[in-house]
Protein backbone atom coordinates (compact mmCIF):
# COMPACT_ATOMS: atom_id res chain seq x y z
CA UNK A 1 -89.31 -50.83 88.69
CA UNK A 2 -86.32 -50.58 90.99
CA UNK A 3 -84.00 -51.58 88.15
CA UNK A 4 -85.54 -48.87 85.90
CA UNK A 5 -84.87 -46.26 88.58
CA UNK A 6 -81.26 -47.42 89.00
CA UNK A 7 -80.77 -47.40 85.22
CA UNK A 8 -82.19 -43.86 84.96
CA UNK A 9 -79.89 -42.63 87.75
CA UNK A 10 -76.87 -44.22 86.07
CA UNK A 11 -77.70 -42.53 82.77
CA UNK A 12 -78.09 -39.14 84.51
CA UNK A 13 -74.80 -39.60 86.36
CA UNK A 14 -72.95 -40.52 83.16
CA UNK A 15 -74.54 -37.56 81.34
CA UNK A 16 -73.42 -35.18 84.07
CA UNK A 17 -69.88 -36.54 83.91
CA UNK A 18 -69.78 -36.20 80.16
CA UNK A 19 -70.77 -32.52 80.37
CA UNK A 20 -67.91 -31.60 82.71
CA UNK A 21 -64.91 -30.14 80.94
CA UNK A 22 -61.40 -31.14 81.75
CA UNK A 23 -59.83 -28.18 83.64
CA UNK A 24 -56.69 -28.41 81.49
CA UNK A 25 -58.82 -28.07 78.32
CA UNK A 26 -60.54 -24.99 79.75
CA UNK A 27 -57.18 -23.41 80.68
CA UNK A 28 -55.75 -24.16 77.24
CA UNK A 29 -58.78 -22.62 75.50
CA UNK A 30 -58.53 -19.50 77.68
CA UNK A 31 -54.80 -19.30 76.93
CA UNK A 32 -55.50 -19.57 73.19
CA UNK A 33 -58.13 -16.82 73.39
CA UNK A 34 -55.77 -14.57 75.37
CA UNK A 35 -52.92 -15.22 72.92
CA UNK A 36 -55.23 -14.40 70.01
CA UNK A 37 -56.36 -11.17 71.70
CA UNK A 38 -52.76 -10.14 72.37
CA UNK A 39 -51.79 -10.91 68.75
CA UNK A 40 -54.79 -8.94 67.45
CA UNK A 41 -53.93 -5.97 69.67
CA UNK A 42 -50.30 -6.04 68.48
CA UNK A 43 -51.42 -6.26 64.85
CA UNK A 44 -53.82 -3.33 65.33
CA UNK A 45 -51.05 -1.28 67.00
CA UNK A 46 -48.70 -1.97 64.07
CA UNK A 47 -51.42 -1.03 61.56
CA UNK A 48 -52.18 2.19 63.46
CA UNK A 49 -48.48 3.12 63.61
CA UNK A 50 -48.14 2.43 59.86
CA UNK A 51 -51.21 4.59 59.09
CA UNK A 52 -49.87 7.41 61.26
CA UNK A 53 -46.48 7.21 59.50
CA UNK A 54 -48.22 7.21 56.10
CA UNK A 55 -50.30 10.23 57.14
CA UNK A 56 -47.16 12.15 58.17
CA UNK A 57 -45.45 11.14 54.93
CA UNK A 58 -48.52 12.21 52.94
CA UNK A 59 -48.71 15.57 54.71
CA UNK A 60 -45.09 16.29 53.75
CA UNK A 61 -45.37 14.78 50.27
CA UNK A 62 -45.31 16.56 46.94
CA UNK A 63 -45.38 15.76 43.24
CA UNK A 64 -42.13 15.45 41.29
CA UNK A 65 -41.06 14.43 37.80
CA UNK A 66 -38.46 11.77 37.05
CA UNK A 67 -36.97 10.74 33.73
CA UNK A 68 -36.88 12.53 30.40
CA UNK A 69 -39.74 13.44 28.09
CA UNK A 70 -39.90 9.97 26.49
CA UNK A 71 -39.91 8.03 29.78
CA UNK A 72 -41.48 10.48 32.16
CA UNK A 73 -42.64 9.25 35.54
CA UNK A 74 -44.54 11.43 37.93
CA UNK A 75 -44.12 10.62 41.59
CA UNK A 76 -45.87 11.59 44.80
CA UNK A 77 -43.96 11.21 48.03
CA UNK A 78 -41.95 12.91 50.76
CA UNK A 79 -39.10 15.13 49.56
CA UNK A 80 -36.46 13.02 51.30
CA UNK A 81 -37.84 9.55 50.72
CA UNK A 82 -39.30 6.98 48.39
CA UNK A 83 -42.41 7.73 46.39
CA UNK A 84 -45.72 6.55 47.84
CA UNK A 85 -47.26 6.56 44.35
CA UNK A 86 -45.99 6.88 40.78
CA UNK A 87 -47.62 7.01 37.37
CA UNK A 88 -46.07 6.70 33.95
CA UNK A 89 -47.12 6.31 30.35
CA UNK A 90 -46.45 3.11 28.43
CA UNK A 91 -46.45 4.84 25.04
CA UNK A 92 -46.38 1.54 23.11
CA UNK A 93 -49.62 0.33 24.67
CA UNK A 94 -51.09 3.79 25.37
CA UNK A 95 -51.61 2.83 29.00
CA UNK A 96 -51.09 4.63 32.28
CA UNK A 97 -49.12 2.51 34.73
CA UNK A 98 -50.12 3.09 38.36
CA UNK A 99 -47.60 2.02 41.04
CA UNK A 100 -48.36 2.11 44.75
CA UNK A 101 -45.58 1.44 47.26
CA UNK A 102 -47.18 -1.07 49.59
CA UNK A 103 -46.34 -4.53 50.86
CA UNK A 104 -48.89 -7.26 50.23
CA UNK A 105 -48.77 -10.98 49.51
CA UNK A 106 -47.52 -12.25 46.16
CA UNK A 107 -49.81 -12.48 43.14
CA UNK A 108 -52.60 -10.30 41.85
CA UNK A 109 -54.73 -7.96 43.94
CA UNK A 110 -57.43 -5.38 43.35
CA UNK A 111 -56.30 -1.80 42.84
CA UNK A 112 -58.80 1.04 43.02
CA UNK A 113 -58.14 4.46 41.55
CA UNK A 114 -60.46 7.35 41.09
CA UNK A 115 -61.68 10.78 41.99
CA UNK A 116 -64.98 11.67 43.60
CA UNK A 117 -67.62 9.13 42.54
CA UNK A 118 -65.57 7.95 39.54
CA UNK A 119 -63.78 4.79 40.77
CA UNK A 120 -62.19 1.98 38.76
CA UNK A 121 -61.29 -1.39 40.26
CA UNK A 122 -58.84 -3.52 38.29
CA UNK A 123 -56.29 -6.29 38.78
CA UNK A 124 -52.74 -5.29 39.65
CA UNK A 125 -49.54 -7.27 40.15
CA UNK A 126 -47.33 -7.33 43.20
CA UNK A 127 -43.68 -6.53 42.61
CA UNK A 128 -41.07 -7.51 45.17
CA UNK A 129 -37.84 -5.61 45.52
CA UNK A 130 -36.16 -3.04 47.71
CA UNK A 131 -39.43 -1.08 47.61
CA UNK A 132 -42.34 -3.54 47.46
CA UNK A 133 -45.16 -2.24 45.30
CA UNK A 134 -48.29 -3.03 43.38
CA UNK A 135 -48.50 -2.10 39.70
CA UNK A 136 -51.61 -1.88 37.53
CA UNK A 137 -52.47 -0.49 34.10
CA UNK A 138 -55.40 1.28 32.53
CA UNK A 139 -55.83 2.63 28.98
CA UNK A 140 -55.10 6.36 28.85
CA UNK A 141 -58.55 6.79 27.26
CA UNK A 142 -60.37 5.04 30.14
CA UNK A 143 -63.18 7.30 31.42
CA UNK A 144 -61.87 7.15 35.01
CA UNK A 145 -58.32 8.06 33.91
CA UNK A 146 -59.79 10.97 31.95
CA UNK A 147 -61.90 12.03 34.97
CA UNK A 148 -58.83 11.99 37.24
CA UNK A 149 -56.87 14.08 34.72
CA UNK A 150 -59.67 16.65 34.45
CA UNK A 151 -60.54 16.81 38.15
CA UNK A 152 -59.50 19.35 40.74
CA UNK A 153 -60.42 16.80 43.44
CA UNK A 154 -57.77 14.50 45.00
CA UNK A 155 -57.00 11.17 43.36
CA UNK A 156 -57.59 8.10 45.53
CA UNK A 157 -55.48 4.96 45.29
CA UNK A 158 -56.27 1.83 47.30
CA UNK A 159 -54.75 -1.64 47.12
CA UNK A 160 -56.96 -4.48 48.32
CA UNK A 161 -58.54 -3.58 51.64
CA UNK A 162 -55.57 -1.42 52.63
CA UNK A 163 -55.58 2.23 53.56
CA UNK A 164 -56.63 4.66 50.87
CA UNK A 165 -53.97 7.11 49.73
CA UNK A 166 -55.32 10.51 48.68
CA UNK A 167 -53.02 12.54 46.45
CA UNK A 168 -53.79 16.13 45.50
CA UNK A 169 -54.86 16.90 41.96
CA UNK A 170 -51.98 18.17 39.88
CA UNK A 171 -51.44 19.28 36.31
CA UNK A 172 -48.59 16.75 35.97
CA UNK A 173 -51.05 13.85 35.85
CA UNK A 174 -53.15 15.64 33.22
CA UNK A 175 -50.03 16.28 31.09
CA UNK A 176 -48.97 12.65 31.44
CA UNK A 177 -52.37 11.40 30.27
CA UNK A 178 -52.55 13.88 27.37
CA UNK A 179 -49.15 12.77 26.08
CA UNK A 180 -50.14 9.11 26.35
CA UNK A 181 -53.28 9.26 24.21
């Protein structure tokens, strides 16, 4: 009986020792958590600054036309800067090409365009260059493209889970679509 009691006490003592954490492991885990929090806060601050800059750029932005009649591109962006969004007609394929200036990883990504409740999600390609962008195509006869052209509501463009860009309705998009049918 005495040996059973000694054995039970030894097991309890070993169990208690096994549950104790090494202080250096605890400190390292806390350091990792703090580093992750700091990195997340910095990332959130960068994202907020980017959104604020985009909002200012959008507030000052306007539609413009580039190119001649056969290769017309309509662009939305600040007067003294690069376009935030462009659209053009690929007359050979009868498609509207949507380009959004945004930096994302390489490969394909979802692009969403629409107006009001009419939204289309489709695959778009990333394009690297001096102005990184994402480019996607829809037939000019697509119901959502037609709804955007006919709408007086803003057009929304979103790439992946990024911020949504709202561009005011404009007759230039309607003209572009009509000439591409």
